[in-house]
Amino acid sequence: MQRVLDRHGAVLAELADDGSLARPEALRGDIRRILLDSLPAGTVRWGRKLLEATPLGDGRHELTFADGSTAVSGLLVGADGTWSKVRPLLSDRKPAYAGVSYIDTYLHDVDERHPEAAEAVGNGAMYALVPGQGFLAHREAGDVIHTYVILNRPVEWFTAIDFADAGAARQRIAAEFEGWAPALISLITDGETRPILRAIHRLPDRHRWDRTPGVTLLGDAAHVTVPGGEGANLAMLDGAELGQAIAAHPDDPETACTTYEEVMFRRGEAEAIAARDTVELIFGAGAPHDLAELLNGTGRTSPGTRALPHTRQPSGNG
């Protein structure tokens, strides 16, 4: 179920999942577990944080890890997120602050301990919005509500808040929602985990690079943008298509990477533009009514044609 509320808690739209929605979802942690469990033991080496990748020539790179160890790659794939250590080998572009930040927090045992919040959120995703700010909350397994508080503020506004002092941080964030329904404000003030700031950064929509032997990027390392609901999906699709290209050209990684990048560049640009449109739909001048019209089937597009960003989709990238 997805529902849209106004700042006073009134339901403006509600869309039940009767099995007909075109975009079924799963918790990211479950997807991660399924993918890891499919790999042979030892494929993933934990505790090997990359510090630097140095070109050696002929497409080879020396990798230096935080534990002091090194390795040499024949093909280096940077899948290391927004602040990729591999990206500088290909591009001098750095992610820029997108003007919005997410603060995430959790409530536990919500039906018993937080019934008003549980009622407001319902059994699925809840969006309570005004232009430039609001709540994205989701009911998760185990009687948990995971909430992102969204604020369109300069990055300096957030640096003035001491997030190490959880209570003070909650109160400062809650002050931005004066006059909102108490059940919505309680998603912040009653939070049972330390509020985590996730400043959202983005690369240019058309982020590309010249083919560089022995290295490529996927996921947020290649095309991080605002959370429009497709980030994790794109990363998985990038990885699958790169794997297919390598399998098709096992002795020619350059052809494999060229084939992969040609498709990934076009898709990444299109999805970055679509993500910005989605964020504008949700948090723009028409909030919350534009999203309500979407779910009611009277808006610019039909529900289910594109994922909406909520706590199963967006990953704060700051």
C-alpha atoms as a PDB file:
ATOM      1  CA  MET A   1       0.000   0.000   0.000  1.00  0.00           C
ATOM      2  CA  GLN A   2       1.102   3.550  -0.714  1.00  0.00           C
ATOM      3  CA  ARG A   3      -0.550   6.610   0.779  1.00  0.00           C
ATOM      4  CA  VAL A   4      -0.094  10.372   0.618  1.00  0.00           C
ATOM      5  CA  LEU A   5      -0.873  12.619   3.576  1.00  0.00           C
ATOM      6  CA  ASP A   6      -0.931  16.354   4.002  1.00  0.00           C
ATOM      7  CA  ARG A   7       0.932  17.998   6.876  1.00  0.00           C
ATOM      8  CA  HIS A   8      -2.096  17.602   9.149  1.00  0.00           C
ATOM      9  CA  GLY A   9      -2.246  13.848   8.597  1.00  0.00           C
ATOM     10  CA  ALA A  10      -5.254  13.826   6.276  1.00  0.00           C
ATOM     11  CA  VAL A  11      -5.121  11.068   3.659  1.00  0.00           C
ATOM     12  CA  LEU A  12      -5.113  12.552   0.150  1.00  0.00           C
ATOM     13  CA  ALA A  13      -4.537   9.333  -1.781  1.00  0.00           C
ATOM     14  CA  GLU A  14      -4.148   5.647  -1.089  1.00  0.00           C
ATOM     15  CA  LEU A  15      -3.194   2.881  -3.469  1.00  0.00           C
ATOM     16  CA  ALA A  16      -3.475  -0.704  -2.298  1.00  0.00           C
ATOM     17  CA  ASP A  17      -1.250  -3.406  -3.751  1.00  0.00           C
ATOM     18  CA  ASP A  18      -3.723  -5.953  -5.068  1.00  0.00           C
ATOM     19  CA  GLY A  19      -1.025  -7.793  -6.976  1.00  0.00           C
ATOM     20  CA  SER A  20      -1.465  -5.701 -10.102  1.00  0.00           C
ATOM     21  CA  LEU A  21       1.339  -3.182  -9.487  1.00  0.00           C
ATOM     22  CA  ALA A  22       4.007  -3.421 -12.177  1.00  0.00           C
ATOM     23  CA  ARG A  23       6.953  -2.794  -9.846  1.00  0.00           C
ATOM     24  CA  PRO A  24       7.114  -5.351  -7.001  1.00  0.00           C
ATOM     25  CA  GLU A  25       9.744  -4.530  -4.396  1.00  0.00           C
ATOM     26  CA  ALA A  26      11.958  -6.280  -1.880  1.00  0.00           C
ATOM     27  CA  LEU A  27      14.005  -5.031   1.037  1.00  0.00           C
ATOM     28  CA  ARG A  28      17.537  -4.198  -0.020  1.00  0.00           C
ATOM     29  CA  GLY A  29      18.983  -6.319   2.771  1.00  0.00           C
ATOM     30  CA  ASP A  30      17.113  -9.357   1.486  1.00  0.00           C
ATOM     31  CA  ILE A  31      18.376  -8.795  -2.064  1.00  0.00           C
ATOM     32  CA  ARG A  32      21.911  -8.379  -0.771  1.00  0.00           C
ATOM     33  CA  ARG A  33      21.679 -11.641   1.179  1.00  0.00           C
ATOM     34  CA  ILE A  34      20.290 -13.552  -1.819  1.00  0.00           C
ATOM     35  CA  LEU A  35      23.061 -12.308  -4.100  1.00  0.00           C
ATOM     36  CA  LEU A  36      25.831 -13.020  -1.585  1.00  0.00           C
ATOM     37  CA  ASP A  37      24.470 -16.480  -0.834  1.00  0.00           C
ATOM     38  CA  SER A  38      24.632 -17.300  -4.558  1.00  0.00           C
ATOM     39  CA  LEU A  39      28.419 -16.812  -4.683  1.00  0.00           C
ATOM     40  CA  PRO A  40      31.071 -19.424  -3.956  1.00  0.00           C
ATOM     41  CA  ALA A  41      32.698 -19.065  -0.554  1.00  0.00           C
ATOM     42  CA  GLY A  42      35.571 -16.590  -0.547  1.00  0.00           C
ATOM     43  CA  THR A  43      34.390 -14.639  -3.602  1.00  0.00           C
ATOM     44  CA  VAL A  44      33.794 -11.534  -1.489  1.00  0.00           C
ATOM     45  CA  ARG A  45      36.724 -10.538   0.696  1.00  0.00           C
ATOM     46  CA  TRP A  46      35.514  -8.425   3.598  1.00  0.00           C
ATOM     47  CA  GLY A  47      37.607  -5.853   5.421  1.00  0.00           C
ATOM     48  CA  ARG A  48      39.534  -4.779   2.322  1.00  0.00           C
ATOM     49  CA  LYS A  49      38.738  -1.069   2.050  1.00  0.00           C
ATOM     50  CA  LEU A  50      40.309   0.428  -1.064  1.00  0.00           C
ATOM     51  CA  LEU A  51      42.436   3.520  -0.492  1.00  0.00           C
ATOM     52  CA  GLU A  52      43.980   4.069  -3.913  1.00  0.00           C
ATOM     53  CA  ALA A  53      44.230   2.604  -7.406  1.00  0.00           C
ATOM     54  CA  THR A  54      47.426   3.373  -9.326  1.00  0.00           C
ATOM     55  CA  PRO A  55      47.857   2.738 -13.083  1.00  0.00           C
ATOM     56  CA  LEU A  56      50.718   0.422 -13.978  1.00  0.00           C
ATOM     57  CA  GLY A  57      50.236   0.470 -17.763  1.00  0.00           C
ATOM     58  CA  ASP A  58      48.750  -2.071 -20.152  1.00  0.00           C
ATOM     59  CA  GLY A  59      45.400  -1.846 -18.342  1.00  0.00           C
ATOM     60  CA  ARG A  60      46.812  -3.068 -15.026  1.00  0.00           C
ATOM     61  CA  HIS A  61      46.327  -1.226 -11.720  1.00  0.00           C
ATOM     62  CA  GLU A  62      47.841  -1.586  -8.279  1.00  0.00           C
ATOM     63  CA  LEU A  63      45.248  -1.509  -5.520  1.00  0.00           C
ATOM     64  CA  THR A  64      46.238  -0.342  -2.044  1.00  0.00           C
ATOM     65  CA  PHE A  65      43.963  -1.314   0.850  1.00  0.00           C
ATOM     66  CA  ALA A  66      43.512   0.131   4.324  1.00  0.00           C
ATOM     67  CA  ASP A  67      45.067  -2.927   5.944  1.00  0.00           C
ATOM     68  CA  GLY A  68      48.325  -2.240   4.075  1.00  0.00           C
ATOM     69  CA  SER A  69      47.904  -5.048   1.554  1.00  0.00           C
ATOM     70  CA  THR A  70      48.089  -4.557  -2.214  1.00  0.00           C
ATOM     71  CA  ALA A  71      46.882  -6.381  -5.313  1.00  0.00           C
ATOM     72  CA  VAL A  72      47.227  -5.943  -9.072  1.00  0.00           C
ATOM     73  CA  SER A  73      44.113  -6.028 -11.268  1.00  0.00           C
ATOM     74  CA  GLY A  74      43.761  -7.165 -14.848  1.00  0.00           C
ATOM     75  CA  LEU A  75      40.282  -5.602 -15.060  1.00  0.00           C
ATOM     76  CA  LEU A  76      39.243  -3.149 -12.359  1.00  0.00           C
ATOM     77  CA  VAL A  77      35.514  -2.482 -11.877  1.00  0.00           C
ATOM     78  CA  GLY A  78      34.709   0.417  -9.578  1.00  0.00           C
ATOM     79  CA  ALA A  79      31.466  -0.479  -7.820  1.00  0.00           C
ATOM     80  CA  ASP A  80      32.396   1.589  -4.780  1.00  0.00           C
ATOM     81  CA  GLY A  81      29.589   4.119  -4.650  1.00  0.00           C
ATOM     82  CA  THR A  82      29.231   7.872  -4.597  1.00  0.00           C
ATOM     83  CA  TRP A  83      32.730   8.593  -3.317  1.00  0.00           C
ATOM     84  CA  SER A  84      34.440   6.037  -5.538  1.00  0.00           C
ATOM     85  CA  LYS A  85      38.209   5.683  -5.248  1.00  0.00           C
ATOM     86  CA  VAL A  86      38.253   4.224  -8.759  1.00  0.00           C
ATOM     87  CA  ARG A  87      36.371   7.025 -10.549  1.00  0.00           C
ATOM     88  CA  PRO A  88      39.375   9.434 -10.670  1.00  0.00           C
ATOM     89  CA  LEU A  89      41.095   6.981 -13.023  1.00  0.00           C
ATOM     90  CA  LEU A  90      38.393   7.794 -15.563  1.00  0.00           C
ATOM     91  CA  SER A  91      36.810  11.124 -14.701  1.00  0.00           C
ATOM     92  CA  ASP A  92      37.638  14.299 -12.823  1.00  0.00           C
ATOM     93  CA  ARG A  93      33.982  14.964 -12.029  1.00  0.00           C
ATOM     94  CA  LYS A  94      33.044  14.930  -8.344  1.00  0.00           C
ATOM     95  CA  PRO A  95      29.511  14.603  -6.975  1.00  0.00           C
ATOM     96  CA  ALA A  96      27.932  17.930  -6.009  1.00  0.00           C
ATOM     97  CA  TYR A  97      25.426  18.498  -3.224  1.00  0.00           C
ATOM     98  CA  ALA A  98      21.923  18.259  -4.659  1.00  0.00           C
ATOM     99  CA  GLY A  99      20.382  20.722  -2.209  1.00  0.00           C
ATOM    100  CA  VAL A 100      18.478  18.141  -0.185  1.00  0.00           C
ATOM    101  CA  SER A 101      19.322  15.800   2.686  1.00  0.00           C
ATOM    102  CA  TYR A 102      17.655  12.766   4.218  1.00  0.00           C
ATOM    103  CA  ILE A 103      17.701  11.993   7.932  1.00  0.00           C
ATOM    104  CA  ASP A 104      16.768   8.405   8.654  1.00  0.00           C
ATOM    105  CA  THR A 105      15.438   6.953  11.864  1.00  0.00           C
ATOM    106  CA  TYR A 106      13.510   3.899  13.090  1.00  0.00           C
ATOM    107  CA  LEU A 107      10.616   3.040  15.372  1.00  0.00           C
ATOM    108  CA  HIS A 108      10.304  -0.496  16.765  1.00  0.00           C
ATOM    109  CA  ASP A 109       7.312  -2.472  18.061  1.00  0.00           C
ATOM    110  CA  VAL A 110       5.186   0.204  16.449  1.00  0.00           C
ATOM    111  CA  ASP A 111       1.727  -1.322  16.889  1.00  0.00           C
ATOM    112  CA  GLU A 112       2.268  -1.671  20.619  1.00  0.00           C
ATOM    113  CA  ARG A 113       4.519   1.319  21.418  1.00  0.00           C
ATOM    114  CA  HIS A 114       3.756   3.845  18.661  1.00  0.00           C
ATOM    115  CA  PRO A 115       0.140   3.237  17.592  1.00  0.00           C
ATOM    116  CA  GLU A 116      -0.480   6.771  16.281  1.00  0.00           C
ATOM    117  CA  ALA A 117       2.562   6.645  14.018  1.00  0.00           C
ATOM    118  CA  ALA A 118       1.644   3.118  12.941  1.00  0.00           C
ATOM    119  CA  GLU A 119      -1.833   4.284  11.980  1.00  0.00           C
ATOM    120  CA  ALA A 120      -0.458   7.238  10.001  1.00  0.00           C
ATOM    121  CA  VAL A 121       2.032   5.120   8.060  1.00  0.00           C
ATOM    122  CA  GLY A 122      -0.280   2.178   7.448  1.00  0.00           C
ATOM    123  CA  ASN A 123       0.939  -1.148   6.119  1.00  0.00           C
ATOM    124  CA  GLY A 124       3.201   0.070   3.317  1.00  0.00           C
ATOM    125  CA  ALA A 125       4.779   3.342   2.204  1.00  0.00           C
ATOM    126  CA  MET A 126       3.626   6.745   3.430  1.00  0.00           C
ATOM    127  CA  TYR A 127       4.482  10.167   1.986  1.00  0.00           C
ATOM    128  CA  ALA A 128       3.637  13.279   4.044  1.00  0.00           C
ATOM    129  CA  LEU A 129       4.761  16.329   2.123  1.00  0.00           C
ATOM    130  CA  VAL A 130       4.888  20.033   1.501  1.00  0.00           C
ATOM    131  CA  PRO A 131       7.149  21.683  -1.080  1.00  0.00           C
ATOM    132  CA  GLY A 132      10.770  21.051  -0.160  1.00  0.00           C
ATOM    133  CA  GLN A 133      10.296  18.824   2.859  1.00  0.00           C
ATOM    134  CA  GLY A 134       8.390  15.950   4.338  1.00  0.00           C
ATOM    135  CA  PHE A 135       8.445  12.355   5.517  1.00  0.00           C
ATOM    136  CA  LEU A 136       8.943   9.135   3.588  1.00  0.00           C
ATOM    137  CA  ALA A 137       8.132   6.224   5.882  1.00  0.00           C
ATOM    138  CA  HIS A 138       7.760   2.517   5.327  1.00  0.00           C
ATOM    139  CA  ARG A 139       6.456  -0.379   7.380  1.00  0.00           C
ATOM    140  CA  GLU A 140       9.114  -3.087   7.430  1.00  0.00           C
ATOM    141  CA  ALA A 141       9.167  -6.655   8.693  1.00  0.00           C
ATOM    142  CA  GLY A 142       9.315  -7.158  12.442  1.00  0.00           C
ATOM    143  CA  ASP A 143       6.858  -4.355  13.332  1.00  0.00           C
ATOM    144  CA  VAL A 144       9.357  -1.653  12.316  1.00  0.00           C
ATOM    145  CA  ILE A 145       8.824   1.736  10.690  1.00  0.00           C
ATOM    146  CA  HIS A 146      11.812   3.161   8.847  1.00  0.00           C
ATOM    147  CA  THR A 147      11.525   6.872   8.143  1.00  0.00           C
ATOM    148  CA  TYR A 148      13.426   9.327   6.005  1.00  0.00           C
ATOM    149  CA  VAL A 149      12.900  12.954   6.946  1.00  0.00           C
ATOM    150  CA  ILE A 150      13.530  15.081   3.861  1.00  0.00           C
ATOM    151  CA  LEU A 151      14.691  18.689   4.088  1.00  0.00           C
ATOM    152  CA  ASN A 152      15.677  20.958   1.222  1.00  0.00           C
ATOM    153  CA  ARG A 153      18.316  23.012   3.028  1.00  0.00           C
ATOM    154  CA  PRO A 154      21.886  24.158   2.300  1.00  0.00           C
ATOM    155  CA  VAL A 155      24.558  21.745   3.433  1.00  0.00           C
ATOM    156  CA  GLU A 156      25.752  24.345   5.967  1.00  0.00           C
ATOM    157  CA  TRP A 157      22.383  24.187   7.726  1.00  0.00           C
ATOM    158  CA  PHE A 158      23.007  20.549   8.575  1.00  0.00           C
ATOM    159  CA  THR A 159      26.639  20.999   9.606  1.00  0.00           C
ATOM    160  CA  ALA A 160      25.416  23.288  12.395  1.00  0.00           C
ATOM    161  CA  ILE A 161      23.580  20.317  13.966  1.00  0.00           C
ATOM    162  CA  ASP A 162      25.452  17.942  16.254  1.00  0.00           C
ATOM    163  CA  PHE A 163      24.111  14.575  15.108  1.00  0.00           C
ATOM    164  CA  ALA A 164      26.233  12.860  17.774  1.00  0.00           C
ATOM    165  CA  ASP A 165      23.757  14.321  20.283  1.00  0.00           C
ATOM    166  CA  ALA A 166      20.764  12.298  19.149  1.00  0.00           C
ATOM    167  CA  GLY A 167      18.201  14.022  21.342  1.00  0.00           C
ATOM    168  CA  ALA A 168      19.254  17.532  20.366  1.00  0.00           C
ATOM    169  CA  ALA A 169      19.400  16.571  16.684  1.00  0.00           C
ATOM    170  CA  ARG A 170      15.869  15.131  16.818  1.00  0.00           C
ATOM    171  CA  GLN A 171      14.520  18.265  18.428  1.00  0.00           C
ATOM    172  CA  ARG A 172      16.247  20.553  15.915  1.00  0.00           C
ATOM    173  CA  ILE A 173      14.871  18.584  12.972  1.00  0.00           C
ATOM    174  CA  ALA A 174      11.413  18.359  14.535  1.00  0.00           C
ATOM    175  CA  ALA A 175      11.358  22.148  14.919  1.00  0.00           C
ATOM    176  CA  GLU A 176      11.201  22.401  11.123  1.00  0.00           C
ATOM    177  CA  PHE A 177       7.815  20.649  11.271  1.00  0.00           C
ATOM    178  CA  GLU A 178       6.011  22.931  13.706  1.00  0.00           C
ATOM    179  CA  GLY A 179       2.272  22.673  13.160  1.00  0.00           C
ATOM    180  CA  TRP A 180       2.414  19.232  11.553  1.00  0.00           C
ATOM    181  CA  ALA A 181       0.333  16.345  12.902  1.00  0.00           C
ATOM    182  CA  PRO A 182       1.783  14.967  16.166  1.00  0.00           C
ATOM    183  CA  ALA A 183       1.782  11.428  14.742  1.00  0.00           C
ATOM    184  CA  LEU A 184       4.074  12.593  11.947  1.00  0.00           C
ATOM    185  CA  ILE A 185       6.394  14.570  14.209  1.00  0.00           C
ATOM    186  CA  SER A 186       6.693  11.501  16.440  1.00  0.00           C
ATOM    187  CA  LEU A 187       8.454   9.720  13.570  1.00  0.00           C
ATOM    188  CA  ILE A 188      11.388  11.991  14.474  1.00  0.00           C
ATOM    189  CA  THR A 189      11.007  12.720  18.159  1.00  0.00           C
ATOM    190  CA  ASP A 190      10.304   9.119  19.190  1.00  0.00           C
ATOM    191  CA  GLY A 191      13.068   7.674  17.019  1.00  0.00           C
ATOM    192  CA  GLU A 192      14.825   4.771  18.698  1.00  0.00           C
ATOM    193  CA  THR A 193      18.047   4.911  16.727  1.00  0.00           C
ATOM    194  CA  ARG A 194      20.514   7.739  16.330  1.00  0.00           C
ATOM    195  CA  PRO A 195      19.335   9.947  13.441  1.00  0.00           C
ATOM    196  CA  ILE A 196      21.655   9.512  10.465  1.00  0.00           C
ATOM    197  CA  LEU A 197      22.269  12.405   8.065  1.00  0.00           C
ATOM    198  CA  ARG A 198      22.490  11.450   4.404  1.00  0.00           C
ATOM    199  CA  ALA A 199      23.398  14.477   2.316  1.00  0.00           C
ATOM    200  CA  ILE A 200      22.384  13.756  -1.268  1.00  0.00           C
ATOM    201  CA  HIS A 201      25.005  14.301  -3.970  1.00  0.00           C
ATOM    202  CA  ARG A 202      24.804  13.838  -7.704  1.00  0.00           C
ATOM    203  CA  LEU A 203      27.012  13.650 -10.778  1.00  0.00           C
ATOM    204  CA  PRO A 204      26.034  15.452 -13.990  1.00  0.00           C
ATOM    205  CA  ASP A 205      23.184  13.748 -15.819  1.00  0.00           C
ATOM    206  CA  ARG A 206      25.462  13.071 -18.771  1.00  0.00           C
ATOM    207  CA  HIS A 207      28.455  11.694 -16.909  1.00  0.00           C
ATOM    208  CA  ARG A 208      30.735   9.903 -19.377  1.00  0.00           C
ATOM    209  CA  TRP A 209      34.423   9.232 -19.866  1.00  0.00           C
ATOM    210  CA  ASP A 210      36.796   8.128 -22.589  1.00  0.00           C
ATOM    211  CA  ARG A 211      37.514   4.407 -22.754  1.00  0.00           C
ATOM    212  CA  THR A 212      40.447   3.740 -20.446  1.00  0.00           C
ATOM    213  CA  PRO A 213      42.112   0.307 -20.650  1.00  0.00           C
ATOM    214  CA  GLY A 214      41.513  -2.049 -17.764  1.00  0.00           C
ATOM    215  CA  VAL A 215      38.932  -0.099 -15.780  1.00  0.00           C
ATOM    216  CA  THR A 216      35.235   0.775 -15.759  1.00  0.00           C
ATOM    217  CA  LEU A 217      32.520   1.784 -13.287  1.00  0.00           C
ATOM    218  CA  LEU A 218      29.029   0.681 -12.366  1.00  0.00           C
ATOM    219  CA  GLY A 219      26.214   1.831 -10.101  1.00  0.00           C
ATOM    220  CA  ASP A 220      26.595   5.046  -8.116  1.00  0.00           C
ATOM    221  CA  ALA A 221      30.292   5.179  -8.933  1.00  0.00           C
ATOM    222  CA  ALA A 222      29.264   5.748 -12.544  1.00  0.00           C
ATOM    223  CA  HIS A 223      26.026   7.736 -12.336  1.00  0.00           C
ATOM    224  CA  VAL A 224      24.955   8.700  -8.825  1.00  0.00           C
ATOM    225  CA  THR A 225      21.962  11.025  -8.855  1.00  0.00           C
ATOM    226  CA  VAL A 226      19.067  12.059  -6.624  1.00  0.00           C
ATOM    227  CA  PRO A 227      17.034   9.179  -5.140  1.00  0.00           C
ATOM    228  CA  GLY A 228      14.381   8.694  -7.793  1.00  0.00           C
ATOM    229  CA  GLY A 229      13.639   5.074  -6.949  1.00  0.00           C
ATOM    230  CA  GLU A 230      15.960   3.252  -9.360  1.00  0.00           C
ATOM    231  CA  GLY A 231      19.474   3.472  -7.882  1.00  0.00           C
ATOM    232  CA  ALA A 232      19.821  -0.097  -6.607  1.00  0.00           C
ATOM    233  CA  ASN A 233      18.051  -1.457  -9.680  1.00  0.00           C
ATOM    234  CA  LEU A 234      20.478   0.336 -11.991  1.00  0.00           C
ATOM    235  CA  ALA A 235      23.500  -0.943 -10.088  1.00  0.00           C
ATOM    236  CA  MET A 236      22.294  -4.532 -10.351  1.00  0.00           C
ATOM    237  CA  LEU A 237      21.486  -4.129 -14.036  1.00  0.00           C
ATOM    238  CA  ASP A 238      24.901  -2.555 -14.691  1.00  0.00           C
ATOM    239  CA  GLY A 239      26.614  -5.476 -12.984  1.00  0.00           C
ATOM    240  CA  ALA A 240      24.563  -8.071 -14.847  1.00  0.00           C
ATOM    241  CA  GLU A 241      25.171  -6.491 -18.250  1.00  0.00           C
ATOM    242  CA  LEU A 242      28.885  -5.998 -17.615  1.00  0.00           C
ATOM    243  CA  GLY A 243      29.094  -9.646 -16.600  1.00  0.00           C
ATOM    244  CA  GLN A 244      27.311 -10.702 -19.769  1.00  0.00           C
ATOM    245  CA  ALA A 245      29.641  -8.566 -21.898  1.00  0.00           C
ATOM    246  CA  ILE A 246      32.723 -10.111 -20.256  1.00  0.00           C
ATOM    247  CA  ALA A 247      31.292 -13.606 -20.737  1.00  0.00           C
ATOM    248  CA  ALA A 248      30.703 -12.819 -24.411  1.00  0.00           C
ATOM    249  CA  HIS A 249      34.282 -11.536 -24.848  1.00  0.00           C
ATOM    250  CA  PRO A 250      36.337 -13.492 -22.299  1.00  0.00           C
ATOM    251  CA  ASP A 251      39.630 -12.769 -24.065  1.00  0.00           C
ATOM    252  CA  ASP A 252      38.885  -9.152 -24.953  1.00  0.00           C
ATOM    253  CA  PRO A 253      37.944  -7.097 -21.869  1.00  0.00           C
ATOM    254  CA  GLU A 254      38.248  -3.844 -23.810  1.00  0.00           C
ATOM    255  CA  THR A 255      35.518  -4.840 -26.235  1.00  0.00           C
ATOM    256  CA  ALA A 256      33.437  -6.042 -23.291  1.00  0.00           C
ATOM    257  CA  CYS A 257      33.808  -2.732 -21.447  1.00  0.00           C
ATOM    258  CA  THR A 258      33.140  -0.670 -24.569  1.00  0.00           C
ATOM    259  CA  THR A 259      29.952  -2.635 -25.277  1.00  0.00           C
ATOM    260  CA  TYR A 260      28.801  -2.259 -21.694  1.00  0.00           C
ATOM    261  CA  GLU A 261      29.619   1.447 -21.387  1.00  0.00           C
ATOM    262  CA  GLU A 262      27.792   2.419 -24.579  1.00  0.00           C
ATOM    263  CA  VAL A 263      24.532   1.100 -23.142  1.00  0.00           C
ATOM    264  CA  MET A 264      25.181   2.162 -19.543  1.00  0.00           C
ATOM    265  CA  PHE A 265      25.947   5.785 -20.495  1.00  0.00           C
ATOM    266  CA  ARG A 266      22.653   6.234 -22.328  1.00  0.00           C
ATOM    267  CA  ARG A 267      20.634   4.510 -19.639  1.00  0.00           C
ATOM    268  CA  GLY A 268      22.329   6.391 -16.807  1.00  0.00           C
ATOM    269  CA  GLU A 269      21.614   9.755 -18.427  1.00  0.00           C
ATOM    270  CA  ALA A 270      17.956   8.914 -19.045  1.00  0.00           C
ATOM    271  CA  GLU A 271      17.473   7.635 -15.501  1.00  0.00           C
ATOM    272  CA  ALA A 272      19.174  10.661 -13.947  1.00  0.00           C
ATOM    273  CA  ILE A 273      16.777  12.971 -15.772  1.00  0.00           C
ATOM    274  CA  ALA A 274      13.822  10.788 -14.782  1.00  0.00           C
ATOM    275  CA  ALA A 275      14.976  10.771 -11.144  1.00  0.00           C
ATOM    276  CA  ARG A 276      15.039  14.559 -11.033  1.00  0.00           C
ATOM    277  CA  ASP A 277      11.535  14.618 -12.514  1.00  0.00           C
ATOM    278  CA  THR A 278      10.371  12.186  -9.832  1.00  0.00           C
ATOM    279  CA  VAL A 279      11.849  14.280  -7.027  1.00  0.00           C
ATOM    280  CA  GLU A 280      10.226  17.393  -8.492  1.00  0.00           C
ATOM    281  CA  LEU A 281       6.895  15.562  -8.648  1.00  0.00           C
ATOM    282  CA  ILE A 282       7.136  14.588  -4.983  1.00  0.00           C
ATOM    283  CA  PHE A 283       8.813  17.609  -3.356  1.00  0.00           C
ATOM    284  CA  GLY A 284       8.232  20.387  -5.875  1.00  0.00           C
ATOM    285  CA  ALA A 285       5.825  23.290  -5.809  1.00  0.00           C
ATOM    286  CA  GLY A 286       2.858  20.950  -6.337  1.00  0.00           C
ATOM    287  CA  ALA A 287       3.497  18.837  -3.232  1.00  0.00           C
ATOM    288  CA  PRO A 288       1.627  16.923  -1.927  1.00  0.00           C
ATOM    289  CA  HIS A 289      -1.114  17.159  -4.558  1.00  0.00           C
ATOM    290  CA  ASP A 290       0.952  16.129  -7.599  1.00  0.00           C
ATOM    291  CA  LEU A 291       1.841  12.797  -5.970  1.00  0.00           C
ATOM    292  CA  ALA A 292      -1.718  12.317  -4.737  1.00  0.00           C
ATOM    293  CA  GLU A 293      -2.980  12.801  -8.282  1.00  0.00           C
ATOM    294  CA  LEU A 294      -0.437  10.255  -9.508  1.00  0.00           C
ATOM    295  CA  LEU A 295      -1.650   7.606  -7.071  1.00  0.00           C
ATOM    296  CA  ASN A 296      -5.275   8.486  -7.791  1.00  0.00           C
ATOM    297  CA  GLY A 297      -4.628   7.960 -11.493  1.00  0.00           C
ATOM    298  CA  THR A 298      -5.345  11.569 -12.436  1.00  0.00           C
ATOM    299  CA  GLY A 299      -1.757  12.833 -12.672  1.00  0.00           C
ATOM    300  CA  ARG A 300       0.969  12.963 -15.292  1.00  0.00           C
ATOM    301  CA  THR A 301       1.571   9.238 -15.375  1.00  0.00           C
ATOM    302  CA  SER A 302       0.070   6.038 -14.061  1.00  0.00           C
ATOM    303  CA  PRO A 303       1.014   4.432 -10.725  1.00  0.00           C
ATOM    304  CA  GLY A 304       3.354   1.499 -11.110  1.00  0.00           C
ATOM    305  CA  THR A 305       5.146   2.800 -14.213  1.00  0.00           C
ATOM    306  CA  ARG A 306       8.111   3.986 -12.161  1.00  0.00           C
ATOM    307  CA  ALA A 307       9.375   3.234  -8.686  1.00  0.00           C
ATOM    308  CA  LEU A 308       8.832   5.977  -6.132  1.00  0.00           C
ATOM    309  CA  PRO A 309      11.609   6.785  -3.665  1.00  0.00           C
ATOM    310  CA  HIS A 310      10.936   5.608  -0.157  1.00  0.00           C
ATOM    311  CA  THR A 311      12.846   3.681   2.464  1.00  0.00           C
ATOM    312  CA  ARG A 312      13.232   0.523   0.401  1.00  0.00           C
ATOM    313  CA  GLN A 313      14.676   2.485  -2.509  1.00  0.00           C
ATOM    314  CA  PRO A 314      16.714   5.585  -1.743  1.00  0.00           C
ATOM    315  CA  SER A 315      20.129   5.297  -0.193  1.00  0.00           C
ATOM    316  CA  GLY A 316      21.438   8.527   1.163  1.00  0.00           C
ATOM    317  CA  ASN A 317      24.740   8.981  -0.531  1.00  0.00           C
ATOM    318  CA  GLY A 318      26.444  11.553   1.588  1.00  0.00           C
END
